[in-house]
Amino acid sequence: PVPSQGGGGGCLRAGAGSNSSPACFPSVGVKLGMQSIAVATACTIYHKFFCEINLDAYDPYLVAMSALYLAGKVEEQHLRTRDIINVSNRYFHPGSEPLELDSRFWALRDSIVQCELLMLRVLRFQVSFQHPHKVHAGELATVSGGTSSFFSFVFSDDLTKPIIDNIVSDLIQIYTMDTEIP
């Protein structure tokens, strides 16, 4: 397919024909317990899909749910379609009850799976991406002595209150100097 001229949208449709990332992915991803890499993969899949297909040809909400589902598989963080449906439904319709396991639910579930297959074909099965923050996370792990958690590096036992106070003081001084430069 030829890339569309007005493709790319967002869960919240931040403007007709915009190429912004969908605003729903971070919120829905967090509620689903997804790692940031999987959320970034979902955003990339969604964006690349709508670069190939016209935004008006497919329901962006269905594509968003399918992108989350596919990203979970790609990043080996498998998600249940039922969870994706319920969390997405609550995001798109705040205050609503979880969907009943009726024919509407099963039709939506089947649509997500069919849309996932369509996305794979449109993207020519190229759904693995090198995300910049994945590299930075690896660098942080190296700096922190092989620990995979950023917070264990930031809040290590070596970091005492006087050291933190000095760092904050230095930062304030740097920012003050920046504002004084003509």
N, C-alpha and C. Protein backbone atom coordinates (compact mmCIF):
# COMPACT_ATOMS: atom_id res chain seq x y z
N PRO A 1 0.81 -1.20 0.00
CA PRO A 1 0.00 0.00 0.00
C PRO A 1 0.85 1.26 0.00
N VAL A 2 0.30 2.28 -0.57
CA VAL A 2 0.97 3.57 -0.61
C VAL A 2 0.67 4.32 0.67
N PRO A 3 1.70 4.95 1.32
CA PRO A 3 1.41 5.72 2.53
C PRO A 3 0.36 6.78 2.26
N SER A 4 -0.56 6.92 3.20
CA SER A 4 -1.63 7.90 3.02
C SER A 4 -1.12 9.31 3.25
N GLN A 5 -1.75 10.27 2.61
CA GLN A 5 -1.37 11.66 2.77
C GLN A 5 -1.78 12.21 4.13
N GLY A 6 -2.91 11.78 4.64
CA GLY A 6 -3.40 12.31 5.90
C GLY A 6 -3.42 11.26 6.99
N GLY A 7 -2.57 10.23 6.87
CA GLY A 7 -2.58 9.13 7.82
C GLY A 7 -2.04 9.54 9.16
N GLY A 8 -2.03 8.60 10.04
CA GLY A 8 -1.50 8.83 11.38
C GLY A 8 -2.47 9.64 12.20
N GLY A 9 -2.89 9.13 13.28
CA GLY A 9 -3.80 9.86 14.14
C GLY A 9 -3.46 9.60 15.57
N GLY A 10 -4.45 9.61 16.40
CA GLY A 10 -4.19 9.34 17.80
C GLY A 10 -5.46 8.84 18.45
N CYS A 11 -5.32 8.20 19.59
CA CYS A 11 -6.51 7.72 20.29
C CYS A 11 -7.44 8.87 20.59
N LEU A 12 -6.87 10.03 20.84
CA LEU A 12 -7.70 11.18 21.14
C LEU A 12 -7.84 12.10 19.94
N ARG A 13 -7.33 11.66 18.79
CA ARG A 13 -7.42 12.42 17.54
C ARG A 13 -7.03 13.88 17.79
N ALA A 14 -5.75 14.06 18.03
CA ALA A 14 -5.23 15.37 18.40
C ALA A 14 -5.20 16.33 17.22
N GLY A 15 -6.03 16.12 16.27
CA GLY A 15 -6.09 17.00 15.11
C GLY A 15 -6.11 16.16 13.86
N ALA A 16 -6.93 16.53 12.91
CA ALA A 16 -7.05 15.75 11.69
C ALA A 16 -5.73 15.71 10.95
N GLY A 17 -5.31 14.51 10.61
CA GLY A 17 -4.10 14.33 9.82
C GLY A 17 -2.82 14.50 10.62
N SER A 18 -2.88 14.59 11.93
CA SER A 18 -1.65 14.76 12.69
C SER A 18 -0.92 13.43 12.79
N ASN A 19 0.37 13.48 13.04
CA ASN A 19 1.17 12.27 13.18
C ASN A 19 1.61 12.08 14.62
N SER A 20 0.88 12.61 15.57
CA SER A 20 1.28 12.50 16.97
C SER A 20 1.04 11.08 17.48
N SER A 21 1.79 10.71 18.51
CA SER A 21 1.59 9.40 19.11
C SER A 21 0.26 9.38 19.84
N PRO A 22 -0.37 8.22 19.90
CA PRO A 22 -1.66 8.13 20.58
C PRO A 22 -1.52 8.44 22.06
N ALA A 23 -2.38 9.27 22.56
CA ALA A 23 -2.32 9.70 23.95
C ALA A 23 -2.76 8.61 24.91
N CYS A 24 -3.48 7.60 24.42
CA CYS A 24 -4.00 6.58 25.33
C CYS A 24 -2.95 5.56 25.76
N PHE A 25 -1.91 5.36 24.98
CA PHE A 25 -0.98 4.27 25.27
C PHE A 25 -0.31 4.36 26.64
N PRO A 26 0.24 5.50 27.04
CA PRO A 26 0.86 5.53 28.37
C PRO A 26 -0.12 5.19 29.49
N SER A 27 -1.31 5.78 29.48
CA SER A 27 -2.28 5.54 30.55
C SER A 27 -2.76 4.09 30.55
N VAL A 28 -3.15 3.61 29.41
CA VAL A 28 -3.65 2.23 29.32
C VAL A 28 -2.51 1.26 29.61
N GLY A 29 -1.33 1.55 29.08
CA GLY A 29 -0.17 0.68 29.31
C GLY A 29 0.16 0.54 30.78
N VAL A 30 0.14 1.66 31.51
CA VAL A 30 0.43 1.62 32.95
C VAL A 30 -0.62 0.79 33.67
N LYS A 31 -1.89 0.99 33.33
CA LYS A 31 -2.95 0.24 34.00
C LYS A 31 -2.88 -1.25 33.69
N LEU A 32 -2.31 -1.59 32.53
CA LEU A 32 -2.14 -3.00 32.17
C LEU A 32 -0.85 -3.57 32.74
N GLY A 33 -0.02 -2.72 33.36
CA GLY A 33 1.25 -3.17 33.92
C GLY A 33 2.32 -3.41 32.87
N MET A 34 2.20 -2.72 31.74
CA MET A 34 3.17 -2.89 30.66
C MET A 34 4.46 -2.14 30.97
N GLN A 35 5.56 -2.69 30.50
CA GLN A 35 6.85 -2.01 30.61
C GLN A 35 6.90 -0.91 29.55
N SER A 36 7.76 0.08 29.76
CA SER A 36 7.82 1.22 28.84
C SER A 36 8.21 0.82 27.43
N ILE A 37 9.04 -0.21 27.29
CA ILE A 37 9.44 -0.67 25.94
C ILE A 37 8.23 -1.21 25.19
N ALA A 38 7.37 -1.96 25.88
CA ALA A 38 6.17 -2.50 25.23
C ALA A 38 5.21 -1.38 24.84
N VAL A 39 5.08 -0.36 25.67
CA VAL A 39 4.23 0.78 25.34
C VAL A 39 4.80 1.52 24.13
N ALA A 40 6.12 1.71 24.11
CA ALA A 40 6.76 2.38 22.96
C ALA A 40 6.57 1.55 21.69
N THR A 41 6.63 0.24 21.81
CA THR A 41 6.40 -0.62 20.64
C THR A 41 4.96 -0.48 20.16
N ALA A 42 3.99 -0.42 21.08
CA ALA A 42 2.59 -0.24 20.69
C ALA A 42 2.40 1.08 19.95
N CYS A 43 3.00 2.15 20.45
CA CYS A 43 2.91 3.45 19.78
C CYS A 43 3.51 3.38 18.38
N THR A 44 4.65 2.72 18.26
CA THR A 44 5.33 2.63 16.97
C THR A 44 4.51 1.80 15.98
N ILE A 45 3.98 0.69 16.44
CA ILE A 45 3.14 -0.15 15.57
C ILE A 45 1.93 0.65 15.09
N TYR A 46 1.27 1.34 15.99
CA TYR A 46 0.10 2.15 15.65
C TYR A 46 0.47 3.21 14.62
N HIS A 47 1.54 3.94 14.88
CA HIS A 47 1.95 5.01 13.98
C HIS A 47 2.33 4.46 12.60
N LYS A 48 3.13 3.40 12.57
CA LYS A 48 3.55 2.84 11.29
C LYS A 48 2.36 2.28 10.51
N PHE A 49 1.41 1.69 11.23
CA PHE A 49 0.21 1.18 10.56
C PHE A 49 -0.53 2.31 9.85
N PHE A 50 -0.73 3.42 10.55
CA PHE A 50 -1.47 4.53 9.95
C PHE A 50 -0.63 5.35 8.98
N CYS A 51 0.67 5.09 8.91
CA CYS A 51 1.47 5.68 7.83
C CYS A 51 1.21 4.92 6.53
N GLU A 52 0.79 3.67 6.65
CA GLU A 52 0.52 2.84 5.48
C GLU A 52 -0.95 2.85 5.07
N ILE A 53 -1.82 3.07 6.03
CA ILE A 53 -3.26 2.97 5.82
C ILE A 53 -3.91 4.31 6.19
N ASN A 54 -4.94 4.68 5.48
CA ASN A 54 -5.66 5.91 5.77
C ASN A 54 -6.36 5.81 7.13
N LEU A 55 -6.24 6.85 7.93
CA LEU A 55 -6.84 6.89 9.26
C LEU A 55 -8.33 6.62 9.23
N ASP A 56 -9.01 7.09 8.21
CA ASP A 56 -10.47 6.94 8.14
C ASP A 56 -10.91 5.53 7.75
N ALA A 57 -9.96 4.70 7.30
CA ALA A 57 -10.33 3.36 6.85
C ALA A 57 -10.56 2.39 8.01
N TYR A 58 -9.97 2.66 9.18
CA TYR A 58 -10.08 1.75 10.31
C TYR A 58 -10.36 2.52 11.59
N ASP A 59 -11.03 1.87 12.52
CA ASP A 59 -11.34 2.46 13.81
C ASP A 59 -10.06 2.61 14.62
N PRO A 60 -9.65 3.85 14.94
CA PRO A 60 -8.39 4.05 15.66
C PRO A 60 -8.39 3.40 17.05
N TYR A 61 -9.55 3.26 17.68
CA TYR A 61 -9.63 2.63 18.99
C TYR A 61 -9.35 1.14 18.88
N LEU A 62 -9.90 0.49 17.87
CA LEU A 62 -9.65 -0.92 17.64
C LEU A 62 -8.18 -1.14 17.31
N VAL A 63 -7.62 -0.27 16.46
CA VAL A 63 -6.21 -0.38 16.09
C VAL A 63 -5.33 -0.18 17.32
N ALA A 64 -5.70 0.74 18.20
CA ALA A 64 -4.93 0.98 19.42
C ALA A 64 -4.92 -0.27 20.31
N MET A 65 -6.09 -0.90 20.50
CA MET A 65 -6.15 -2.11 21.32
C MET A 65 -5.35 -3.24 20.68
N SER A 66 -5.43 -3.35 19.35
CA SER A 66 -4.67 -4.40 18.66
C SER A 66 -3.18 -4.14 18.73
N ALA A 67 -2.78 -2.86 18.67
CA ALA A 67 -1.35 -2.51 18.79
C ALA A 67 -0.83 -2.89 20.18
N LEU A 68 -1.63 -2.65 21.21
CA LEU A 68 -1.23 -3.05 22.57
C LEU A 68 -1.07 -4.56 22.66
N TYR A 69 -2.02 -5.27 22.09
CA TYR A 69 -2.00 -6.73 22.12
C TYR A 69 -0.77 -7.27 21.39
N LEU A 70 -0.51 -6.74 20.20
CA LEU A 70 0.64 -7.18 19.41
C LEU A 70 1.95 -6.79 20.08
N ALA A 71 2.04 -5.59 20.62
CA ALA A 71 3.26 -5.15 21.30
C ALA A 71 3.58 -6.04 22.50
N GLY A 72 2.54 -6.46 23.20
CA GLY A 72 2.76 -7.37 24.31
C GLY A 72 3.42 -8.67 23.86
N LYS A 73 3.01 -9.16 22.71
CA LYS A 73 3.61 -10.38 22.17
C LYS A 73 5.04 -10.12 21.71
N VAL A 74 5.24 -9.01 20.97
CA VAL A 74 6.56 -8.69 20.43
C VAL A 74 7.59 -8.55 21.56
N GLU A 75 7.19 -7.88 22.63
CA GLU A 75 8.11 -7.61 23.74
C GLU A 75 8.03 -8.68 24.84
N GLU A 76 7.38 -9.81 24.51
CA GLU A 76 7.26 -10.94 25.41
C GLU A 76 6.67 -10.55 26.76
N GLN A 77 5.66 -9.72 26.68
CA GLN A 77 4.90 -9.33 27.86
C GLN A 77 3.42 -9.55 27.53
N HIS A 78 3.07 -10.80 27.42
CA HIS A 78 1.75 -11.17 26.94
C HIS A 78 0.64 -10.61 27.82
N LEU A 79 -0.38 -10.09 27.15
CA LEU A 79 -1.53 -9.50 27.83
C LEU A 79 -2.78 -10.26 27.41
N ARG A 80 -3.70 -10.37 28.32
CA ARG A 80 -4.98 -11.01 27.99
C ARG A 80 -5.84 -9.99 27.25
N THR A 81 -6.48 -10.45 26.18
CA THR A 81 -7.35 -9.55 25.41
C THR A 81 -8.47 -9.00 26.29
N ARG A 82 -8.94 -9.80 27.21
CA ARG A 82 -10.00 -9.33 28.11
C ARG A 82 -9.52 -8.12 28.92
N ASP A 83 -8.29 -8.17 29.41
CA ASP A 83 -7.74 -7.04 30.17
C ASP A 83 -7.61 -5.80 29.29
N ILE A 84 -7.11 -5.99 28.08
CA ILE A 84 -6.95 -4.87 27.15
C ILE A 84 -8.31 -4.23 26.87
N ILE A 85 -9.30 -5.07 26.62
CA ILE A 85 -10.64 -4.56 26.32
C ILE A 85 -11.21 -3.78 27.51
N ASN A 86 -11.13 -4.36 28.70
CA ASN A 86 -11.71 -3.70 29.87
C ASN A 86 -10.99 -2.40 30.24
N VAL A 87 -9.66 -2.41 30.23
CA VAL A 87 -8.91 -1.19 30.57
C VAL A 87 -9.13 -0.12 29.50
N SER A 88 -9.10 -0.51 28.25
CA SER A 88 -9.33 0.45 27.16
C SER A 88 -10.74 1.02 27.22
N ASN A 89 -11.71 0.16 27.49
CA ASN A 89 -13.10 0.61 27.60
C ASN A 89 -13.25 1.64 28.72
N ARG A 90 -12.59 1.40 29.83
CA ARG A 90 -12.65 2.36 30.95
C ARG A 90 -11.95 3.66 30.59
N TYR A 91 -10.86 3.58 29.79
CA TYR A 91 -10.15 4.78 29.38
C TYR A 91 -11.01 5.61 28.42
N PHE A 92 -11.59 4.94 27.42
CA PHE A 92 -12.39 5.64 26.41
C PHE A 92 -13.76 6.05 26.93
N HIS A 93 -14.28 5.32 27.93
CA HIS A 93 -15.60 5.60 28.51
C HIS A 93 -15.48 5.60 30.03
N PRO A 94 -14.91 6.68 30.61
CA PRO A 94 -14.71 6.72 32.07
C PRO A 94 -16.02 6.50 32.83
N GLY A 95 -15.91 5.75 33.90
CA GLY A 95 -17.08 5.49 34.72
C GLY A 95 -17.93 4.34 34.25
N SER A 96 -17.60 3.75 33.11
CA SER A 96 -18.40 2.63 32.61
C SER A 96 -18.02 1.34 33.32
N GLU A 97 -18.91 0.41 33.31
CA GLU A 97 -18.69 -0.90 33.90
C GLU A 97 -17.90 -1.77 32.92
N PRO A 98 -17.19 -2.78 33.43
CA PRO A 98 -16.52 -3.72 32.51
C PRO A 98 -17.56 -4.36 31.59
N LEU A 99 -17.15 -4.65 30.38
CA LEU A 99 -18.08 -5.26 29.43
C LEU A 99 -18.49 -6.65 29.89
N GLU A 100 -19.74 -6.95 29.66
CA GLU A 100 -20.25 -8.29 29.96
C GLU A 100 -19.66 -9.26 28.93
N LEU A 101 -19.54 -10.52 29.33
CA LEU A 101 -19.04 -11.53 28.40
C LEU A 101 -20.18 -11.99 27.49
N ASP A 102 -20.66 -11.05 26.67
CA ASP A 102 -21.76 -11.34 25.76
C ASP A 102 -21.25 -11.30 24.33
N SER A 103 -22.16 -11.33 23.39
CA SER A 103 -21.78 -11.38 21.98
C SER A 103 -20.99 -10.13 21.56
N ARG A 104 -21.28 -8.99 22.16
CA ARG A 104 -20.55 -7.76 21.84
C ARG A 104 -19.07 -7.87 22.25
N PHE A 105 -18.84 -8.43 23.46
CA PHE A 105 -17.47 -8.63 23.94
C PHE A 105 -16.71 -9.58 23.01
N TRP A 106 -17.31 -10.70 22.67
CA TRP A 106 -16.62 -11.69 21.84
C TRP A 106 -16.38 -11.17 20.43
N ALA A 107 -17.30 -10.36 19.92
CA ALA A 107 -17.10 -9.75 18.60
C ALA A 107 -15.92 -8.78 18.64
N LEU A 108 -15.82 -7.99 19.72
CA LEU A 108 -14.70 -7.06 19.88
C LEU A 108 -13.38 -7.82 20.01
N ARG A 109 -13.39 -8.89 20.78
CA ARG A 109 -12.19 -9.71 20.94
C ARG A 109 -11.74 -10.28 19.60
N ASP A 110 -12.68 -10.81 18.83
CA ASP A 110 -12.36 -11.34 17.51
C ASP A 110 -11.83 -10.25 16.59
N SER A 111 -12.40 -9.05 16.69
CA SER A 111 -11.96 -7.92 15.87
C SER A 111 -10.52 -7.54 16.21
N ILE A 112 -10.16 -7.58 17.49
CA ILE A 112 -8.79 -7.26 17.90
C ILE A 112 -7.82 -8.25 17.28
N VAL A 113 -8.16 -9.53 17.34
CA VAL A 113 -7.29 -10.57 16.78
C VAL A 113 -7.17 -10.42 15.26
N GLN A 114 -8.29 -10.16 14.58
CA GLN A 114 -8.26 -9.97 13.12
C GLN A 114 -7.47 -8.72 12.75
N CYS A 115 -7.62 -7.67 13.53
CA CYS A 115 -6.88 -6.43 13.28
C CYS A 115 -5.38 -6.64 13.51
N GLU A 116 -5.04 -7.45 14.50
CA GLU A 116 -3.63 -7.78 14.74
C GLU A 116 -3.03 -8.45 13.52
N LEU A 117 -3.74 -9.39 12.94
CA LEU A 117 -3.26 -10.08 11.74
C LEU A 117 -3.12 -9.11 10.56
N LEU A 118 -4.09 -8.21 10.41
CA LEU A 118 -4.02 -7.20 9.36
C LEU A 118 -2.79 -6.30 9.56
N MET A 119 -2.56 -5.88 10.80
CA MET A 119 -1.42 -5.02 11.09
C MET A 119 -0.11 -5.72 10.74
N LEU A 120 -0.02 -6.99 11.07
CA LEU A 120 1.19 -7.75 10.75
C LEU A 120 1.42 -7.79 9.23
N ARG A 121 0.34 -8.01 8.48
CA ARG A 121 0.49 -8.05 7.01
C ARG A 121 0.85 -6.68 6.45
N VAL A 122 0.18 -5.63 6.91
CA VAL A 122 0.45 -4.28 6.41
C VAL A 122 1.88 -3.86 6.74
N LEU A 123 2.35 -4.23 7.92
CA LEU A 123 3.71 -3.86 8.34
C LEU A 123 4.75 -4.89 7.89
N ARG A 124 4.31 -5.84 7.06
CA ARG A 124 5.18 -6.86 6.50
C ARG A 124 5.92 -7.64 7.59
N PHE A 125 5.26 -7.85 8.71
CA PHE A 125 5.77 -8.58 9.86
C PHE A 125 7.02 -7.93 10.47
N GLN A 126 7.26 -6.68 10.15
CA GLN A 126 8.40 -5.94 10.71
C GLN A 126 7.89 -5.13 11.91
N VAL A 127 7.82 -5.80 13.06
CA VAL A 127 7.24 -5.18 14.24
C VAL A 127 8.21 -5.15 15.43
N SER A 128 9.48 -5.40 15.18
CA SER A 128 10.50 -5.25 16.22
C SER A 128 11.25 -3.97 15.93
N PHE A 129 11.43 -3.16 16.96
CA PHE A 129 12.03 -1.84 16.77
C PHE A 129 13.15 -1.62 17.78
N GLN A 130 14.13 -0.80 17.39
CA GLN A 130 15.19 -0.40 18.30
C GLN A 130 14.77 0.94 18.91
N HIS A 131 14.37 0.92 20.16
CA HIS A 131 13.92 2.14 20.83
C HIS A 131 15.11 2.80 21.52
N PRO A 132 15.25 4.11 21.40
CA PRO A 132 16.39 4.79 22.01
C PRO A 132 16.47 4.62 23.52
N HIS A 133 15.33 4.65 24.22
CA HIS A 133 15.42 4.55 25.67
C HIS A 133 15.77 3.14 26.14
N LYS A 134 15.67 2.15 25.26
CA LYS A 134 16.11 0.80 25.62
C LYS A 134 17.63 0.78 25.77
N VAL A 135 18.31 1.51 24.89
CA VAL A 135 19.77 1.61 24.96
C VAL A 135 20.16 2.34 26.23
N HIS A 136 19.47 3.42 26.56
CA HIS A 136 19.79 4.19 27.76
C HIS A 136 19.56 3.36 29.02
N ALA A 137 18.54 2.53 29.02
CA ALA A 137 18.29 1.68 30.18
C ALA A 137 19.45 0.71 30.38
N GLY A 138 20.00 0.20 29.27
CA GLY A 138 21.16 -0.68 29.35
C GLY A 138 22.39 0.05 29.87
N GLU A 139 22.57 1.29 29.43
CA GLU A 139 23.69 2.09 29.92
C GLU A 139 23.56 2.35 31.41
N LEU A 140 22.34 2.65 31.85
CA LEU A 140 22.10 2.89 33.28
C LEU A 140 22.42 1.65 34.09
N ALA A 141 22.06 0.49 33.57
CA ALA A 141 22.35 -0.75 34.29
C ALA A 141 23.85 -0.95 34.42
N THR A 142 24.60 -0.59 33.39
CA THR A 142 26.04 -0.71 33.43
C THR A 142 26.63 0.24 34.46
N VAL A 143 26.17 1.48 34.44
CA VAL A 143 26.67 2.50 35.37
C VAL A 143 26.37 2.11 36.81
N SER A 144 25.21 1.52 37.03
CA SER A 144 24.80 1.20 38.39
C SER A 144 25.32 -0.16 38.85
N GLY A 145 26.34 -0.67 38.17
CA GLY A 145 26.96 -1.91 38.62
C GLY A 145 26.17 -3.15 38.26
N GLY A 146 25.49 -3.11 37.12
CA GLY A 146 24.75 -4.28 36.66
C GLY A 146 23.34 -4.38 37.20
N THR A 147 22.94 -3.47 38.03
CA THR A 147 21.58 -3.48 38.55
C THR A 147 20.65 -3.01 37.46
N SER A 148 19.53 -3.67 37.31
CA SER A 148 18.63 -3.29 36.22
C SER A 148 17.67 -2.19 36.62
N SER A 149 17.62 -1.84 37.87
CA SER A 149 16.66 -0.84 38.31
C SER A 149 17.31 0.53 38.42
N PHE A 150 16.71 1.49 37.76
CA PHE A 150 17.19 2.87 37.81
C PHE A 150 17.14 3.39 39.24
N PHE A 151 16.09 3.06 39.96
CA PHE A 151 15.91 3.61 41.30
C PHE A 151 16.93 3.08 42.28
N SER A 152 17.41 1.87 42.08
CA SER A 152 18.44 1.39 42.99
C SER A 152 19.73 2.17 42.78
N PHE A 153 19.92 2.71 41.58
CA PHE A 153 21.09 3.54 41.30
C PHE A 153 20.92 4.91 41.92
N VAL A 154 19.76 5.50 41.72
CA VAL A 154 19.51 6.85 42.22
C VAL A 154 19.45 6.88 43.74
N PHE A 155 18.80 5.90 44.34
CA PHE A 155 18.62 5.90 45.78
C PHE A 155 19.50 4.85 46.45
N SER A 156 20.77 4.84 46.10
CA SER A 156 21.68 3.87 46.70
C SER A 156 21.99 4.27 48.14
N ASP A 157 22.57 3.34 48.88
CA ASP A 157 22.91 3.60 50.28
C ASP A 157 23.99 4.67 50.42
N ASP A 158 24.82 4.84 49.38
CA ASP A 158 25.90 5.83 49.42
C ASP A 158 25.37 7.26 49.37
N LEU A 159 24.16 7.43 48.90
CA LEU A 159 23.61 8.76 48.71
C LEU A 159 22.97 9.24 50.01
N THR A 160 23.71 10.09 50.72
CA THR A 160 23.22 10.60 52.00
C THR A 160 22.56 11.95 51.81
N LYS A 161 21.89 12.43 52.84
CA LYS A 161 21.21 13.72 52.77
C LYS A 161 22.18 14.86 52.47
N PRO A 162 23.35 14.95 53.09
CA PRO A 162 24.28 16.04 52.76
C PRO A 162 24.70 16.01 51.27
N ILE A 163 24.88 14.83 50.71
CA ILE A 163 25.25 14.73 49.30
C ILE A 163 24.10 15.21 48.42
N ILE A 164 22.90 14.81 48.76
CA ILE A 164 21.73 15.26 48.00
C ILE A 164 21.58 16.77 48.09
N ASP A 165 21.76 17.30 49.31
CA ASP A 165 21.68 18.76 49.49
C ASP A 165 22.71 19.48 48.64
N ASN A 166 23.92 18.95 48.56
CA ASN A 166 24.97 19.56 47.72
C ASN A 166 24.60 19.52 46.24
N ILE A 167 24.05 18.39 45.81
CA ILE A 167 23.65 18.27 44.40
C ILE A 167 22.55 19.28 44.09
N VAL A 168 21.55 19.36 44.95
CA VAL A 168 20.45 20.31 44.75
C VAL A 168 20.98 21.74 44.74
N SER A 169 21.88 22.05 45.67
CA SER A 169 22.47 23.39 45.74
C SER A 169 23.23 23.72 44.45
N ASP A 170 24.00 22.76 43.97
CA ASP A 170 24.74 22.98 42.71
C ASP A 170 23.78 23.21 41.54
N LEU A 171 22.70 22.43 41.49
CA LEU A 171 21.72 22.60 40.41
C LEU A 171 21.06 23.97 40.47
N ILE A 172 20.69 24.39 41.68
CA ILE A 172 20.07 25.72 41.83
C ILE A 172 21.04 26.80 41.38
N GLN A 173 22.31 26.66 41.74
CA GLN A 173 23.32 27.64 41.34
C GLN A 173 23.47 27.67 39.83
N ILE A 174 23.49 26.53 39.19
CA ILE A 174 23.61 26.48 37.73
C ILE A 174 22.41 27.14 37.07
N TYR A 175 21.20 26.83 37.55
CA TYR A 175 20.01 27.44 36.98
C TYR A 175 19.98 28.95 37.21
N THR A 176 20.45 29.37 38.36
CA THR A 176 20.51 30.81 38.65
C THR A 176 21.47 31.51 37.70
N MET A 177 22.62 30.89 37.46
CA MET A 177 23.61 31.49 36.52
C MET A 177 23.02 31.56 35.12
N ASP A 178 22.27 30.52 34.71
CA ASP A 178 21.67 30.52 33.38
C ASP A 178 20.69 31.65 33.19
N THR A 179 19.93 31.97 34.23
CA THR A 179 18.94 33.04 34.10
C THR A 179 19.59 34.41 34.13
N GLU A 180 20.81 34.51 34.65
CA GLU A 180 21.50 35.80 34.73
C GLU A 180 22.28 36.14 33.47
N ILE A 181 22.51 35.14 32.63
CA ILE A 181 23.27 35.37 31.38
C ILE A 181 22.39 36.19 30.43
N PRO A 182 22.94 37.34 29.91
CA PRO A 182 22.13 38.20 29.03
C PRO A 182 21.81 37.56 27.70
